[in-house]
Amino acid sequence: MVIFDEQHKAAFQRQGFIKLDQAVPLDSLTALRAEFDHWVEQSRRHSVPYGQMMDGRPRFDVEPGHCAERPALRRVASPTELSATYLSVVREGRLIDAIAELIGPDLRFHHAKINSKLPATTTQVKWHQDFAFDPHSNDDCITAILLLDDMTAENGPLKVAP
């Protein structure tokens, strides 16, 4: 199945980003949201970052002020190690097919994380560039950002620059 026509591929090459609507099926999106909601509920039992990655870093990061009454889970590192649903999204489906159309079929997955902006939290991700910090030997790299909720001005929209 072809996802992007030549005009879309040219726009991606020119500006460096492209929007893909319905990147995952609705049932997968619903399952991803449910698992994240479960992690938010689990976070209520903690007051500091918790869980452990293989390299010793905390898996679940909470912002200052996080508490049971007002959970502020701001990041989940490597959700693909915890969830078959998150893993399947990065292994198969329309999103992966679209990426293969843009840079070729020999794909290598580097990492996944969830960045969250729950209601009433203060975490901000200011203007930055990821490319210089990801290990790579060429520029055939893609960061795929999958939105679990609608993005609005009130909940902190993503802005990209060509």
Protein backbone atom coordinates (compact mmCIF):
# COMPACT_ATOMS: atom_id res chain seq x y z
CA MET A 1 0.00 0.00 0.00
CA VAL A 2 1.39 3.42 -0.97
CA ILE A 3 0.97 6.03 1.76
CA PHE A 4 2.70 9.08 0.30
CA ASP A 5 2.58 10.30 -3.28
CA GLU A 6 5.65 11.88 -4.90
CA GLN A 7 4.48 15.39 -3.98
CA HIS A 8 4.36 14.48 -0.27
CA LYS A 9 7.77 12.79 -0.43
CA ALA A 10 9.25 15.88 -2.10
CA ALA A 11 7.72 18.10 0.59
CA PHE A 12 9.29 15.87 3.27
CA GLN A 13 12.71 16.13 1.61
CA ARG A 14 12.38 19.89 1.29
CA GLN A 15 11.07 20.77 4.76
CA GLY A 16 12.25 17.82 6.86
CA PHE A 17 8.89 16.82 8.33
CA ILE A 18 5.53 15.48 7.27
CA LYS A 19 2.23 14.87 9.03
CA LEU A 20 0.64 11.44 8.83
CA ASP A 21 -2.97 11.26 9.91
CA GLN A 22 -4.25 7.97 11.34
CA ALA A 23 -0.73 6.63 11.79
CA VAL A 24 -2.03 3.79 13.95
CA PRO A 25 -5.45 2.12 14.03
CA LEU A 26 -7.97 3.52 16.51
CA ASP A 27 -7.96 0.31 18.59
CA SER A 28 -4.16 0.56 18.98
CA LEU A 29 -4.41 4.24 19.91
CA THR A 30 -7.06 3.40 22.49
CA ALA A 31 -4.84 0.66 23.95
CA LEU A 32 -1.81 3.01 24.06
CA ARG A 33 -3.88 5.60 25.94
CA ALA A 34 -5.19 2.98 28.38
CA GLU A 35 -1.70 1.74 29.18
CA PHE A 36 -0.45 5.28 29.73
CA ASP A 37 -3.45 6.01 31.99
CA HIS A 38 -2.54 2.88 33.97
CA TRP A 39 1.03 4.17 34.43
CA VAL A 40 -0.33 7.52 35.61
CA GLU A 41 -2.44 5.69 38.20
CA GLN A 42 0.60 3.67 39.31
CA SER A 43 2.61 6.87 39.65
CA ARG A 44 0.27 8.08 42.40
CA ARG A 45 2.06 5.67 44.77
CA HIS A 46 5.43 7.40 44.25
CA SER A 47 6.82 10.80 45.19
CA VAL A 48 10.09 10.70 43.21
CA PRO A 49 11.22 9.18 39.89
CA TYR A 50 11.02 5.38 40.11
CA GLY A 51 11.49 2.12 38.26
CA GLN A 52 14.81 1.22 36.70
CA MET A 53 16.15 1.02 33.18
CA MET A 54 18.96 -1.40 32.32
CA ASP A 55 21.45 1.48 32.58
CA GLY A 56 20.21 2.44 36.06
CA ARG A 57 18.18 5.54 35.13
CA PRO A 58 14.62 5.79 36.45
CA ARG A 59 12.00 4.51 34.00
CA PHE A 60 9.24 6.80 35.28
CA ASP A 61 10.05 10.49 35.74
CA VAL A 62 7.77 12.73 37.76
CA GLU A 63 7.98 16.50 37.93
CA PRO A 64 8.40 18.39 41.23
CA GLY A 65 5.09 18.58 43.05
CA HIS A 66 3.90 15.19 41.81
CA CYS A 67 1.59 13.56 44.36
CA ALA A 68 -1.31 11.13 44.55
CA GLU A 69 -3.85 13.95 44.39
CA ARG A 70 -2.20 15.64 41.39
CA PRO A 71 -0.10 13.15 39.42
CA ALA A 72 2.59 14.71 37.28
CA LEU A 73 4.13 11.80 35.40
CA ARG A 74 6.17 13.57 32.75
CA ARG A 75 8.13 10.80 31.06
CA VAL A 76 8.12 7.03 30.58
CA ALA A 77 11.41 5.73 29.22
CA SER A 78 11.29 2.77 26.83
CA PRO A 79 7.59 1.92 27.03
CA THR A 80 8.30 -0.68 24.33
CA GLU A 81 10.07 -2.78 27.01
CA LEU A 82 6.92 -2.78 29.18
CA SER A 83 4.10 -3.02 26.69
CA ALA A 84 3.34 -5.33 23.78
CA THR A 85 1.05 -2.63 22.38
CA TYR A 86 3.78 0.03 22.32
CA LEU A 87 6.22 -2.50 20.85
CA SER A 88 3.82 -3.50 18.07
CA VAL A 89 3.37 0.15 17.03
CA VAL A 90 7.11 0.50 16.40
CA ARG A 91 7.40 -2.88 14.66
CA GLU A 92 4.52 -3.01 12.19
CA GLY A 93 1.71 -1.10 10.61
CA ARG A 94 1.02 2.09 8.71
CA LEU A 95 3.49 4.25 10.64
CA ILE A 96 6.40 1.91 9.91
CA ASP A 97 5.32 1.52 6.27
CA ALA A 98 5.29 5.32 5.92
CA ILE A 99 8.78 5.65 7.38
CA ALA A 100 10.06 2.95 5.01
CA GLU A 101 8.59 4.88 2.07
CA LEU A 102 10.50 7.98 3.14
CA ILE A 103 13.95 6.56 3.90
CA GLY A 104 13.98 2.97 2.67
CA PRO A 105 13.12 -0.48 3.99
CA ASP A 106 16.24 -1.18 6.10
CA LEU A 107 15.01 0.36 9.35
CA ARG A 108 16.59 0.23 12.77
CA PHE A 109 14.64 1.20 15.87
CA HIS A 110 16.66 3.26 18.36
CA HIS A 111 14.38 4.14 21.25
CA ALA A 112 10.95 5.22 22.41
CA LYS A 113 9.75 7.42 25.21
CA ILE A 114 6.55 9.06 26.29
CA ASN A 115 6.64 12.76 27.08
CA SER A 116 3.53 13.84 28.92
CA LYS A 117 1.91 17.14 29.75
CA LEU A 118 -0.85 16.17 32.15
CA PRO A 119 -3.40 18.83 33.17
CA ALA A 120 -2.07 21.38 35.67
CA THR A 121 1.56 20.28 35.24
CA THR A 122 4.33 22.77 34.54
CA THR A 123 6.83 20.81 32.45
CA GLN A 124 7.83 22.64 29.30
CA VAL A 125 9.99 21.37 26.48
CA LYS A 126 11.51 24.48 24.99
CA TRP A 127 12.88 24.93 21.48
CA HIS A 128 15.52 22.28 20.87
CA GLN A 129 16.98 20.00 18.24
CA ASP A 130 17.29 16.23 18.72
CA PHE A 131 19.36 15.33 15.65
CA ALA A 132 22.77 16.16 17.13
CA PHE A 133 22.17 13.92 20.16
CA ASP A 134 21.04 10.72 18.44
CA PRO A 135 23.76 8.29 17.33
CA HIS A 136 23.84 7.95 13.57
CA SER A 137 26.28 7.70 10.69
CA ASN A 138 24.09 9.33 8.03
CA ASP A 139 21.05 11.55 7.82
CA ASP A 140 18.53 8.81 7.06
CA CYS A 141 17.00 9.24 10.52
CA ILE A 142 13.41 9.92 11.45
CA THR A 143 11.87 10.89 14.73
CA ALA A 144 8.25 9.77 14.71
CA ILE A 145 6.07 11.63 17.19
CA LEU A 146 2.77 9.90 17.85
CA LEU A 147 0.17 12.03 19.60
CA LEU A 148 -2.04 10.10 21.99
CA ASP A 149 -4.39 13.05 22.51
CA ASP A 150 -5.55 15.96 20.42
CA MET A 151 -3.06 18.80 20.41
CA THR A 152 -4.41 22.22 21.27
CA ALA A 153 -2.99 25.61 22.24
CA GLU A 154 -4.08 24.87 25.83
CA ASN A 155 -2.18 21.61 26.20
CA GLY A 156 1.11 22.64 24.64
CA PRO A 157 1.25 22.23 20.88
CA LEU A 158 4.27 20.93 19.01
CA LYS A 159 5.89 23.35 16.61
CA VAL A 160 8.34 22.29 13.93
CA ALA A 161 10.52 24.35 11.62
CA PRO A 162 11.66 23.39 8.12
